[in-house]
PDB file of all heavy atoms in Angstrom:
ATOM      1  N   ALA A   1     186.803 153.668 171.482  1.00  0.00           N
ATOM      2  CA  ALA A   1     186.561 154.888 170.912  1.00  0.00           C
ATOM      3  C   ALA A   1     186.109 154.791 169.494  1.00  0.00           C
ATOM      4  O   ALA A   1     186.334 153.772 168.926  1.00  0.00           O
ATOM      5  CB  ALA A   1     187.820 155.810 171.013  1.00  0.00           C
ATOM      6  N   GLY A   2     185.285 155.807 169.096  1.00  0.00           N
ATOM      7  CA  GLY A   2     184.653 155.824 167.727  1.00  0.00           C
ATOM      8  C   GLY A   2     185.728 156.162 166.697  1.00  0.00           C
ATOM      9  O   GLY A   2     186.746 156.877 167.093  1.00  0.00           O
ATOM     10  N   THR A   3     185.425 156.113 165.430  1.00  0.00           N
ATOM     11  CA  THR A   3     186.341 156.496 164.357  1.00  0.00           C
ATOM     12  C   THR A   3     186.554 158.038 164.461  1.00  0.00           C
ATOM     13  O   THR A   3     187.759 158.428 164.314  1.00  0.00           O
ATOM     14  CB  THR A   3     185.745 156.134 163.030  1.00  0.00           C
ATOM     15  OG1 THR A   3     185.377 154.829 162.956  1.00  0.00           O
ATOM     16  CG2 THR A   3     186.638 156.616 161.948  1.00  0.00           C
ATOM     17  N   ALA A   4     185.631 158.779 164.840  1.00  0.00           N
ATOM     18  CA  ALA A   4     185.750 160.316 164.780  1.00  0.00           C
ATOM     19  C   ALA A   4     186.701 160.682 165.943  1.00  0.00           C
ATOM     20  O   ALA A   4     187.376 161.767 165.790  1.00  0.00           O
ATOM     21  CB  ALA A   4     184.385 160.888 165.005  1.00  0.00           C
ATOM     22  N   LYS A   5     186.911 159.963 166.945  1.00  0.00           N
ATOM     23  CA  LYS A   5     187.756 160.277 168.030  1.00  0.00           C
ATOM     24  C   LYS A   5     189.258 159.793 167.717  1.00  0.00           C
ATOM     25  O   LYS A   5     190.187 160.121 168.457  1.00  0.00           O
ATOM     26  CB  LYS A   5     187.398 159.633 169.319  1.00  0.00           C
ATOM     27  CG  LYS A   5     186.039 160.235 169.813  1.00  0.00           C
ATOM     28  CD  LYS A   5     185.684 159.609 171.153  1.00  0.00           C
ATOM     29  CE  LYS A   5     184.450 160.215 171.819  1.00  0.00           C
ATOM     30  NZ  LYS A   5     184.108 159.674 173.132  1.00  0.00           N
ATOM     31  N   ILE A   6     189.433 159.035 166.717  1.00  0.00           N
ATOM     32  CA  ILE A   6     190.780 158.476 166.328  1.00  0.00           C
ATOM     33  C   ILE A   6     191.293 159.124 165.174  1.00  0.00           C
ATOM     34  O   ILE A   6     192.494 159.574 165.120  1.00  0.00           O
ATOM     35  CB  ILE A   6     190.660 156.933 166.397  1.00  0.00           C
ATOM     36  CG1 ILE A   6     190.306 156.349 167.674  1.00  0.00           C
ATOM     37  CG2 ILE A   6     192.070 156.357 165.904  1.00  0.00           C
ATOM     38  CD1 ILE A   6     190.181 154.923 167.702  1.00  0.00           C
ATOM     39  N   GLU A   7     190.593 158.982 164.031  1.00  0.00           N
ATOM     40  CA  GLU A   7     190.988 159.501 162.723  1.00  0.00           C
ATOM     41  C   GLU A   7     191.284 161.021 162.738  1.00  0.00           C
ATOM     42  O   GLU A   7     190.443 161.616 163.201  1.00  0.00           O
ATOM     43  CB  GLU A   7     190.046 159.014 161.605  1.00  0.00           C
ATOM     44  CG  GLU A   7     190.152 157.540 161.436  1.00  0.00           C
ATOM     45  CD  GLU A   7     189.190 157.081 160.417  1.00  0.00           C
ATOM     46  OE1 GLU A   7     188.493 157.938 159.744  1.00  0.00           O
ATOM     47  OE2 GLU A   7     189.202 155.844 160.085  1.00  0.00           O
ATOM     48  N   GLY A   8     192.389 161.443 162.040  1.00  0.00           N
ATOM     49  CA  GLY A   8     192.678 162.803 161.933  1.00  0.00           C
ATOM     50  C   GLY A   8     193.252 163.420 163.163  1.00  0.00           C
ATOM     51  O   GLY A   8     193.543 164.621 163.303  1.00  0.00           O
ATOM     52  N   ARG A   9     193.699 162.560 164.182  1.00  0.00           N
ATOM     53  CA  ARG A   9     194.317 163.114 165.358  1.00  0.00           C
ATOM     54  C   ARG A   9     195.656 162.413 165.579  1.00  0.00           C
ATOM     55  O   ARG A   9     195.865 161.315 165.121  1.00  0.00           O
ATOM     56  CB  ARG A   9     193.452 162.844 166.638  1.00  0.00           C
ATOM     57  CG  ARG A   9     192.002 163.403 166.505  1.00  0.00           C
ATOM     58  CD  ARG A   9     191.087 162.946 167.694  1.00  0.00           C
ATOM     59  NE  ARG A   9     191.674 163.500 168.948  1.00  0.00           N
ATOM     60  CZ  ARG A   9     191.235 163.190 170.125  1.00  0.00           C
ATOM     61  NH1 ARG A   9     190.254 162.295 170.195  1.00  0.00           N
ATOM     62  NH2 ARG A   9     191.699 163.681 171.250  1.00  0.00           N
ATOM     63  N   PRO A  10     196.595 163.023 166.355  1.00  0.00           N
ATOM     64  CA  PRO A  10     197.928 162.543 166.603  1.00  0.00           C
ATOM     65  C   PRO A  10     197.828 161.259 167.423  1.00  0.00           C
ATOM     66  O   PRO A  10     196.796 161.069 168.239  1.00  0.00           O
ATOM     67  CB  PRO A  10     198.652 163.543 167.382  1.00  0.00           C
ATOM     68  CG  PRO A  10     197.970 164.862 167.046  1.00  0.00           C
ATOM     69  CD  PRO A  10     196.458 164.545 166.849  1.00  0.00           C
ATOM     70  N   VAL A  11     198.739 160.386 167.171  1.00  0.00           N
ATOM     71  CA  VAL A  11     198.599 159.133 168.003  1.00  0.00           C
ATOM     72  C   VAL A  11     198.594 159.292 169.446  1.00  0.00           C
ATOM     73  O   VAL A  11     197.885 158.549 170.166  1.00  0.00           O
ATOM     74  CB  VAL A  11     199.902 158.121 167.575  1.00  0.00           C
ATOM     75  CG1 VAL A  11     199.914 156.950 168.409  1.00  0.00           C
ATOM     76  CG2 VAL A  11     199.781 157.737 166.105  1.00  0.00           C
ATOM     77  N   ALA A  12     199.390 160.230 169.954  1.00  0.00           N
ATOM     78  CA  ALA A  12     199.471 160.457 171.421  1.00  0.00           C
ATOM     79  C   ALA A  12     198.077 160.855 171.969  1.00  0.00           C
ATOM     80  O   ALA A  12     197.786 160.573 173.158  1.00  0.00           O
ATOM     81  CB  ALA A  12     200.466 161.531 171.715  1.00  0.00           C
ATOM     82  N   GLN A  13     197.269 161.567 171.236  1.00  0.00           N
ATOM     83  CA  GLN A  13     195.870 161.978 171.635  1.00  0.00           C
ATOM     84  C   GLN A  13     194.883 160.901 171.408  1.00  0.00           C
ATOM     85  O   GLN A  13     194.069 160.610 172.212  1.00  0.00           O
ATOM     86  CB  GLN A  13     195.493 163.178 171.076  1.00  0.00           C
ATOM     87  CG  GLN A  13     196.426 164.374 171.294  1.00  0.00           C
ATOM     88  CD  GLN A  13     195.995 165.632 170.567  1.00  0.00           C
ATOM     89  OE1 GLN A  13     194.927 165.768 170.012  1.00  0.00           O
ATOM     90  NE2 GLN A  13     196.902 166.621 170.630  1.00  0.00           N
ATOM     91  N   ALA A  14     194.956 160.243 170.169  1.00  0.00           N
ATOM     92  CA  ALA A  14     194.002 159.306 169.847  1.00  0.00           C
ATOM     93  C   ALA A  14     194.146 157.998 170.492  1.00  0.00           C
ATOM     94  O   ALA A  14     193.059 157.394 170.834  1.00  0.00           O
ATOM     95  CB  ALA A  14     193.987 159.100 168.292  1.00  0.00           C
ATOM     96  N   LEU A  15     195.367 157.461 170.796  1.00  0.00           N
ATOM     97  CA  LEU A  15     195.572 156.195 171.276  1.00  0.00           C
ATOM     98  C   LEU A  15     196.640 156.403 172.392  1.00  0.00           C
ATOM     99  O   LEU A  15     197.736 155.809 172.341  1.00  0.00           O
ATOM    100  CB  LEU A  15     196.060 155.288 170.190  1.00  0.00           C
ATOM    101  CG  LEU A  15     195.186 155.151 168.964  1.00  0.00           C
ATOM    102  CD1 LEU A  15     195.910 154.389 167.911  1.00  0.00           C
ATOM    103  CD2 LEU A  15     193.946 154.283 169.329  1.00  0.00           C
ATOM    104  N   PRO A  16     196.321 157.120 173.500  1.00  0.00           N
ATOM    105  CA  PRO A  16     197.388 157.364 174.518  1.00  0.00           C
ATOM    106  C   PRO A  16     197.836 155.983 175.190  1.00  0.00           C
ATOM    107  O   PRO A  16     198.986 155.823 175.512  1.00  0.00           O
ATOM    108  CB  PRO A  16     196.513 158.194 175.559  1.00  0.00           C
ATOM    109  CG  PRO A  16     195.082 158.024 175.306  1.00  0.00           C
ATOM    110  CD  PRO A  16     194.983 157.681 173.819  1.00  0.00           C
ATOM    111  N   ARG A  17     196.834 155.049 175.468  1.00  0.00           N
ATOM    112  CA  ARG A  17     197.257 153.856 176.157  1.00  0.00           C
ATOM    113  C   ARG A  17     198.030 152.890 175.261  1.00  0.00           C
ATOM    114  O   ARG A  17     198.852 152.129 175.708  1.00  0.00           O
ATOM    115  CB  ARG A  17     196.056 153.160 176.670  1.00  0.00           C
ATOM    116  CG  ARG A  17     195.320 153.849 177.854  1.00  0.00           C
ATOM    117  CD  ARG A  17     194.055 153.084 178.268  1.00  0.00           C
ATOM    118  NE  ARG A  17     193.393 153.761 179.290  1.00  0.00           N
ATOM    119  CZ  ARG A  17     192.095 153.402 179.716  1.00  0.00           C
ATOM    120  NH1 ARG A  17     191.524 152.373 179.181  1.00  0.00           N
ATOM    121  NH2 ARG A  17     191.547 154.056 180.698  1.00  0.00           N
ATOM    122  N   TRP A  18     197.847 153.062 173.966  1.00  0.00           N
ATOM    123  CA  TRP A  18     198.406 152.095 173.002  1.00  0.00           C
ATOM    124  C   TRP A  18     199.824 152.535 172.608  1.00  0.00           C
ATOM    125  O   TRP A  18     200.481 151.720 171.836  1.00  0.00           O
ATOM    126  CB  TRP A  18     197.569 151.910 171.807  1.00  0.00           C
ATOM    127  CG  TRP A  18     196.269 151.183 172.210  1.00  0.00           C
ATOM    128  CD1 TRP A  18     195.185 151.724 172.739  1.00  0.00           C
ATOM    129  CD2 TRP A  18     196.060 149.793 172.145  1.00  0.00           C
ATOM    130  NE1 TRP A  18     194.240 150.825 172.913  1.00  0.00           N
ATOM    131  CE2 TRP A  18     194.766 149.528 172.609  1.00  0.00           C
ATOM    132  CE3 TRP A  18     196.836 148.696 171.790  1.00  0.00           C
ATOM    133  CZ2 TRP A  18     194.210 148.276 172.736  1.00  0.00           C
ATOM    134  CZ3 TRP A  18     196.330 147.463 171.992  1.00  0.00           C
ATOM    135  CH2 TRP A  18     195.046 147.292 172.405  1.00  0.00           C
ATOM    136  N   GLN A  19     200.299 153.729 173.074  1.00  0.00           N
ATOM    137  CA  GLN A  19     201.628 154.173 172.800  1.00  0.00           C
ATOM    138  C   GLN A  19     202.681 153.191 173.391  1.00  0.00           C
ATOM    139  O   GLN A  19     203.864 153.113 172.944  1.00  0.00           O
ATOM    140  CB  GLN A  19     201.858 155.518 173.312  1.00  0.00           C
ATOM    141  CG  GLN A  19     201.266 156.588 172.362  1.00  0.00           C
ATOM    142  CD  GLN A  19     201.776 157.989 172.828  1.00  0.00           C
ATOM    143  OE1 GLN A  19     202.495 158.569 172.053  1.00  0.00           O
ATOM    144  NE2 GLN A  19     201.362 158.477 173.969  1.00  0.00           N
ATOM    145  N   ALA A  20     202.194 152.488 174.424  1.00  0.00           N
ATOM    146  CA  ALA A  20     203.158 151.466 175.049  1.00  0.00           C
ATOM    147  C   ALA A  20     203.630 150.359 174.085  1.00  0.00           C
ATOM    148  O   ALA A  20     204.715 149.843 174.321  1.00  0.00           O
ATOM    149  CB  ALA A  20     202.430 150.758 176.258  1.00  0.00           C
ATOM    150  N   LEU A  21     202.923 150.102 173.000  1.00  0.00           N
ATOM    151  CA  LEU A  21     203.323 149.198 172.032  1.00  0.00           C
ATOM    152  C   LEU A  21     204.527 149.680 171.227  1.00  0.00           C
ATOM    153  O   LEU A  21     205.197 148.990 170.544  1.00  0.00           O
ATOM    154  CB  LEU A  21     202.232 148.749 171.084  1.00  0.00           C
ATOM    155  CG  LEU A  21     201.104 147.966 171.833  1.00  0.00           C
ATOM    156  CD1 LEU A  21     199.989 147.608 170.673  1.00  0.00           C
ATOM    157  CD2 LEU A  21     201.772 146.544 172.282  1.00  0.00           C
ATOM    158  N   GLY A  22     204.707 151.059 171.198  1.00  0.00           N
ATOM    159  CA  GLY A  22     205.883 151.640 170.536  1.00  0.00           C
ATOM    160  C   GLY A  22     205.734 151.483 169.012  1.00  0.00           C
ATOM    161  O   GLY A  22     206.797 151.499 168.390  1.00  0.00           O
ATOM    162  N   PHE A  23     204.611 151.410 168.460  1.00  0.00           N
ATOM    163  CA  PHE A  23     204.632 151.344 167.008  1.00  0.00           C
ATOM    164  C   PHE A  23     205.010 152.659 166.222  1.00  0.00           C
ATOM    165  O   PHE A  23     205.350 152.584 165.139  1.00  0.00           O
ATOM    166  CB  PHE A  23     203.191 150.870 166.476  1.00  0.00           C
ATOM    167  CG  PHE A  23     201.959 151.624 167.032  1.00  0.00           C
ATOM    168  CD1 PHE A  23     201.730 152.859 166.507  1.00  0.00           C
ATOM    169  CD2 PHE A  23     201.158 151.140 168.073  1.00  0.00           C
ATOM    170  CE1 PHE A  23     200.578 153.631 167.084  1.00  0.00           C
ATOM    171  CE2 PHE A  23     200.053 151.759 168.450  1.00  0.00           C
ATOM    172  CZ  PHE A  23     199.829 152.975 167.962  1.00  0.00           C
ATOM    173  N   ALA A  24     204.925 153.773 166.963  1.00  0.00           N
ATOM    174  CA  ALA A  24     205.444 154.987 166.333  1.00  0.00           C
ATOM    175  C   ALA A  24     206.887 154.772 165.989  1.00  0.00           C
ATOM    176  O   ALA A  24     207.399 155.264 164.916  1.00  0.00           O
ATOM    177  CB  ALA A  24     205.133 156.279 167.184  1.00  0.00           C
ATOM    178  N   ASP A  25     207.566 154.397 167.025  1.00  0.00           N
ATOM    179  CA  ASP A  25     209.080 154.194 166.896  1.00  0.00           C
ATOM    180  C   ASP A  25     209.337 153.165 165.789  1.00  0.00           C
ATOM    181  O   ASP A  25     210.251 153.295 164.938  1.00  0.00           O
ATOM    182  CB  ASP A  25     209.740 153.676 168.224  1.00  0.00           C
ATOM    183  CG  ASP A  25     211.109 153.284 167.994  1.00  0.00           C
ATOM    184  OD1 ASP A  25     212.015 154.190 167.690  1.00  0.00           O
ATOM    185  OD2 ASP A  25     211.385 152.083 168.235  1.00  0.00           O
ATOM    186  N   LEU A  26     208.444 152.120 165.653  1.00  0.00           N
ATOM    187  CA  LEU A  26     208.758 151.064 164.770  1.00  0.00           C
ATOM    188  C   LEU A  26     208.442 151.619 163.376  1.00  0.00           C
ATOM    189  O   LEU A  26     209.101 151.295 162.398  1.00  0.00           O
ATOM    190  CB  LEU A  26     207.799 149.909 165.015  1.00  0.00           C
ATOM    191  CG  LEU A  26     208.084 148.543 164.348  1.00  0.00           C
ATOM    192  CD1 LEU A  26     209.500 148.017 164.808  1.00  0.00           C
ATOM    193  CD2 LEU A  26     207.022 147.588 164.659  1.00  0.00           C
ATOM    194  N   CYS A  27     207.499 152.484 163.174  1.00  0.00           N
ATOM    195  CA  CYS A  27     207.163 153.199 161.935  1.00  0.00           C
ATOM    196  C   CYS A  27     208.351 153.989 161.424  1.00  0.00           C
ATOM    197  O   CYS A  27     208.737 154.030 160.222  1.00  0.00           O
ATOM    198  CB  CYS A  27     205.940 154.087 162.105  1.00  0.00           C
ATOM    199  SG  CYS A  27     204.384 153.147 162.159  1.00  0.00           S
ATOM    200  N   GLU A  28     209.011 154.737 162.369  1.00  0.00           N
ATOM    201  CA  GLU A  28     210.142 155.631 162.028  1.00  0.00           C
ATOM    202  C   GLU A  28     211.359 154.682 161.510  1.00  0.00           C
ATOM    203  O   GLU A  28     211.835 155.052 160.487  1.00  0.00           O
ATOM    204  CB  GLU A  28     210.724 156.265 163.325  1.00  0.00           C
ATOM    205  CG  GLU A  28     209.780 157.407 163.757  1.00  0.00           C
ATOM    206  CD  GLU A  28     209.906 158.732 162.951  1.00  0.00           C
ATOM    207  OE1 GLU A  28     210.581 158.824 161.971  1.00  0.00           O
ATOM    208  OE2 GLU A  28     209.062 159.590 163.250  1.00  0.00           O
ATOM    209  N   ARG A  29     211.518 153.510 162.053  1.00  0.00           N
ATOM    210  CA  ARG A  29     212.594 152.738 161.574  1.00  0.00           C
ATOM    211  C   ARG A  29     212.209 151.992 160.266  1.00  0.00           C
ATOM    212  O   ARG A  29     213.088 151.797 159.460  1.00  0.00           O
ATOM    213  CB  ARG A  29     212.751 151.558 162.737  1.00  0.00           C
ATOM    214  CG  ARG A  29     213.533 152.094 163.933  1.00  0.00           C
ATOM    215  CD  ARG A  29     213.432 151.254 165.173  1.00  0.00           C
ATOM    216  NE  ARG A  29     213.549 149.846 164.827  1.00  0.00           N
ATOM    217  CZ  ARG A  29     213.075 148.798 165.523  1.00  0.00           C
ATOM    218  NH1 ARG A  29     212.401 149.096 166.539  1.00  0.00           N
ATOM    219  NH2 ARG A  29     213.322 147.602 165.137  1.00  0.00           N
ATOM    220  N   ALA A  30     210.902 151.682 160.097  1.00  0.00           N
ATOM    221  CA  ALA A  30     210.532 151.090 158.813  1.00  0.00           C
ATOM    222  C   ALA A  30     210.610 152.152 157.729  1.00  0.00           C
ATOM    223  O   ALA A  30     211.058 151.682 156.639  1.00  0.00           O
ATOM    224  CB  ALA A  30     209.003 150.685 158.940  1.00  0.00           C
ATOM    225  N   LEU A  31     210.241 153.411 157.905  1.00  0.00           N
ATOM    226  CA  LEU A  31     210.449 154.402 156.941  1.00  0.00           C
ATOM    227  C   LEU A  31     211.976 154.596 156.705  1.00  0.00           C
ATOM    228  O   LEU A  31     212.336 154.720 155.448  1.00  0.00           O
ATOM    229  CB  LEU A  31     209.768 155.703 157.338  1.00  0.00           C
ATOM    230  CG  LEU A  31     208.382 155.937 156.997  1.00  0.00           C
ATOM    231  CD1 LEU A  31     207.963 157.302 157.335  1.00  0.00           C
ATOM    232  CD2 LEU A  31     208.028 155.728 155.632  1.00  0.00           C
ATOM    233  N   ALA A  32     212.734 154.625 157.652  1.00  0.00           N
ATOM    234  CA  ALA A  32     214.265 154.841 157.443  1.00  0.00           C
ATOM    235  C   ALA A  32     214.870 153.721 156.614  1.00  0.00           C
ATOM    236  O   ALA A  32     215.777 153.932 155.872  1.00  0.00           O
ATOM    237  CB  ALA A  32     214.844 155.028 158.790  1.00  0.00           C
ATOM    238  N   SER A  33     214.364 152.418 156.907  1.00  0.00           N
ATOM    239  CA  SER A  33     215.036 151.368 156.176  1.00  0.00           C
ATOM    240  C   SER A  33     214.255 151.018 154.935  1.00  0.00           C
ATOM    241  O   SER A  33     214.793 150.186 154.139  1.00  0.00           O
ATOM    242  CB  SER A  33     214.933 150.145 157.107  1.00  0.00           C
ATOM    243  OG  SER A  33     213.568 149.774 157.432  1.00  0.00           O
ATOM    244  N   ALA A  34     213.101 151.604 154.722  1.00  0.00           N
ATOM    245  CA  ALA A  34     212.318 151.347 153.514  1.00  0.00           C
ATOM    246  C   ALA A  34     211.938 149.808 153.424  1.00  0.00           C
ATOM    247  O   ALA A  34     211.814 149.337 152.326  1.00  0.00           O
ATOM    248  CB  ALA A  34     213.045 151.835 152.196  1.00  0.00           C
ATOM    249  N   HIS A  35     211.769 149.190 154.603  1.00  0.00           N
ATOM    250  CA  HIS A  35     211.429 147.739 154.597  1.00  0.00           C
ATOM    251  C   HIS A  35     210.346 147.630 155.745  1.00  0.00           C
ATOM    252  O   HIS A  35     210.430 148.239 156.715  1.00  0.00           O
ATOM    253  CB  HIS A  35     212.616 146.936 154.828  1.00  0.00           C
ATOM    254  CG  HIS A  35     213.458 146.706 153.678  1.00  0.00           C
ATOM    255  ND1 HIS A  35     214.541 147.606 153.529  1.00  0.00           N
ATOM    256  CD2 HIS A  35     213.500 145.880 152.634  1.00  0.00           C
ATOM    257  CE1 HIS A  35     215.153 147.281 152.298  1.00  0.00           C
ATOM    258  NE2 HIS A  35     214.592 146.181 151.842  1.00  0.00           N
ATOM    259  N   GLU A  36     209.452 146.674 155.502  1.00  0.00           N
ATOM    260  CA  GLU A  36     208.572 146.363 156.559  1.00  0.00           C
ATOM    261  C   GLU A  36     209.225 145.802 157.783  1.00  0.00           C
ATOM    262  O   GLU A  36     210.167 145.020 157.528  1.00  0.00           O
ATOM    263  CB  GLU A  36     207.395 145.513 156.101  1.00  0.00           C
ATOM    264  CG  GLU A  36     207.785 144.085 155.698  1.00  0.00           C
ATOM    265  CD  GLU A  36     207.989 143.991 154.194  1.00  0.00           C
ATOM    266  OE1 GLU A  36     208.374 145.065 153.575  1.00  0.00           O
ATOM    267  OE2 GLU A  36     207.877 142.891 153.659  1.00  0.00           O
ATOM    268  N   LEU A  37     208.683 146.065 159.005  1.00  0.00           N
ATOM    269  CA  LEU A  37     209.322 145.451 160.170  1.00  0.00           C
ATOM    270  C   LEU A  37     208.217 144.900 160.999  1.00  0.00           C
ATOM    271  O   LEU A  37     206.937 145.285 160.922  1.00  0.00           O
ATOM    272  CB  LEU A  37     209.901 146.565 161.029  1.00  0.00           C
ATOM    273  CG  LEU A  37     211.139 147.338 160.379  1.00  0.00           C
ATOM    274  CD1 LEU A  37     211.505 148.481 161.336  1.00  0.00           C
ATOM    275  CD2 LEU A  37     212.282 146.273 160.179  1.00  0.00           C
ATOM    276  N   GLU A  38     208.465 143.828 161.814  1.00  0.00           N
ATOM    277  CA  GLU A  38     207.531 143.203 162.681  1.00  0.00           C
ATOM    278  C   GLU A  38     208.131 142.728 163.902  1.00  0.00           C
ATOM    279  O   GLU A  38     209.245 142.116 163.924  1.00  0.00           O
ATOM    280  CB  GLU A  38     206.855 141.964 161.911  1.00  0.00           C
ATOM    281  CG  GLU A  38     205.786 141.393 162.811  1.00  0.00           C
ATOM    282  CD  GLU A  38     204.934 140.286 161.971  1.00  0.00           C
ATOM    283  OE1 GLU A  38     205.371 140.017 160.800  1.00  0.00           O
ATOM    284  OE2 GLU A  38     203.825 139.910 162.410  1.00  0.00           O
ATOM    285  N   GLU A  39     207.613 143.177 165.045  1.00  0.00           N
ATOM    286  CA  GLU A  39     208.175 142.809 166.409  1.00  0.00           C
ATOM    287  C   GLU A  39     207.001 142.512 167.308  1.00  0.00           C
ATOM    288  O   GLU A  39     205.843 142.901 167.090  1.00  0.00           O
ATOM    289  CB  GLU A  39     209.008 143.960 166.915  1.00  0.00           C
ATOM    290  CG  GLU A  39     210.207 144.306 166.045  1.00  0.00           C
ATOM    291  CD  GLU A  39     211.012 145.449 166.797  1.00  0.00           C
ATOM    292  OE1 GLU A  39     210.654 145.927 167.880  1.00  0.00           O
ATOM    293  OE2 GLU A  39     211.979 145.772 166.226  1.00  0.00           O
ATOM    294  N   GLU A  40     207.375 141.671 168.322  1.00  0.00           N
ATOM    295  CA  GLU A  40     206.321 141.364 169.340  1.00  0.00           C
ATOM    296  C   GLU A  40     206.544 142.374 170.510  1.00  0.00           C
ATOM    297  O   GLU A  40     207.592 142.567 170.970  1.00  0.00           O
ATOM    298  CB  GLU A  40     206.638 139.943 169.783  1.00  0.00           C
ATOM    299  CG  GLU A  40     206.284 138.831 168.722  1.00  0.00           C
ATOM    300  CD  GLU A  40     206.491 137.533 169.141  1.00  0.00           C
ATOM    301  OE1 GLU A  40     207.005 137.256 170.413  1.00  0.00           O
ATOM    302  OE2 GLU A  40     206.347 136.623 168.398  1.00  0.00           O
ATOM    303  N   ARG A  41     205.351 142.861 170.970  1.00  0.00           N
ATOM    304  CA  ARG A  41     205.382 143.773 172.044  1.00  0.00           C
ATOM    305  C   ARG A  41     204.210 143.510 173.035  1.00  0.00           C
ATOM    306  O   ARG A  41     203.296 142.890 172.716  1.00  0.00           O
ATOM    307  CB  ARG A  41     204.994 145.282 171.548  1.00  0.00           C
ATOM    308  CG  ARG A  41     206.056 145.829 170.515  1.00  0.00           C
ATOM    309  CD  ARG A  41     207.372 146.135 171.105  1.00  0.00           C
ATOM    310  NE  ARG A  41     208.363 146.441 170.177  1.00  0.00           N
ATOM    311  CZ  ARG A  41     208.559 147.827 169.631  1.00  0.00           C
ATOM    312  NH1 ARG A  41     207.679 148.733 169.986  1.00  0.00           N
ATOM    313  NH2 ARG A  41     209.445 148.156 168.777  1.00  0.00           N
ATOM    314  N   PHE A  42     204.544 143.833 174.330  1.00  0.00           N
ATOM    315  CA  PHE A  42     203.579 143.537 175.457  1.00  0.00           C
ATOM    316  C   PHE A  42     202.964 144.842 175.954  1.00  0.00           C
ATOM    317  O   PHE A  42     203.699 145.937 176.142  1.00  0.00           O
ATOM    318  CB  PHE A  42     204.287 142.886 176.561  1.00  0.00           C
ATOM    319  CG  PHE A  42     203.408 142.505 177.734  1.00  0.00           C
ATOM    320  CD1 PHE A  42     202.549 141.419 177.573  1.00  0.00           C
ATOM    321  CD2 PHE A  42     203.275 143.217 178.768  1.00  0.00           C
ATOM    322  CE1 PHE A  42     201.726 141.045 178.668  1.00  0.00           C
ATOM    323  CE2 PHE A  42     202.459 142.940 179.905  1.00  0.00           C
ATOM    324  CZ  PHE A  42     201.706 141.787 179.832  1.00  0.00           C
ATOM    325  N   ILE A  43     201.622 144.792 176.173  1.00  0.00           N
ATOM    326  CA  ILE A  43     200.970 146.038 176.745  1.00  0.00           C
ATOM    327  C   ILE A  43     200.375 145.672 178.026  1.00  0.00           C
ATOM    328  O   ILE A  43     199.741 144.594 178.087  1.00  0.00           O
ATOM    329  CB  ILE A  43     199.884 146.648 175.640  1.00  0.00           C
ATOM    330  CG1 ILE A  43     199.327 147.886 176.338  1.00  0.00           C
ATOM    331  CG2 ILE A  43     198.839 145.595 175.422  1.00  0.00           C
ATOM    332  CD1 ILE A  43     198.448 148.690 175.361  1.00  0.00           C
ATOM    333  N   ALA A  44     200.610 146.467 179.091  1.00  0.00           N
ATOM    334  CA  ALA A  44     200.036 146.061 180.402  1.00  0.00           C
ATOM    335  C   ALA A  44     198.501 146.086 180.483  1.00  0.00           C
ATOM    336  O   ALA A  44     197.862 146.654 179.538  1.00  0.00           O
ATOM    337  CB  ALA A  44     200.638 147.202 181.445  1.00  0.00           C
ATOM    338  N   ALA A  45     198.013 145.575 181.522  1.00  0.00           N
ATOM    339  CA  ALA A  45     196.534 145.401 181.706  1.00  0.00           C
ATOM    340  C   ALA A  45     195.846 146.826 181.697  1.00  0.00           C
ATOM    341  O   ALA A  45     196.366 147.682 182.293  1.00  0.00           O
ATOM    342  CB  ALA A  45     196.215 144.623 182.916  1.00  0.00           C
TER     343      ALA A  45
END
């Protein structure tokens, strides 16, 4: 997708397939802990 279809839109709309990586949940935890987090995730074909 182009930049216009991604920027300025909610993650669920802009990146529906990529929600499987769960980075929104990881962001919530990073904000709550005030520390960066890094995890390995798998996305289906």
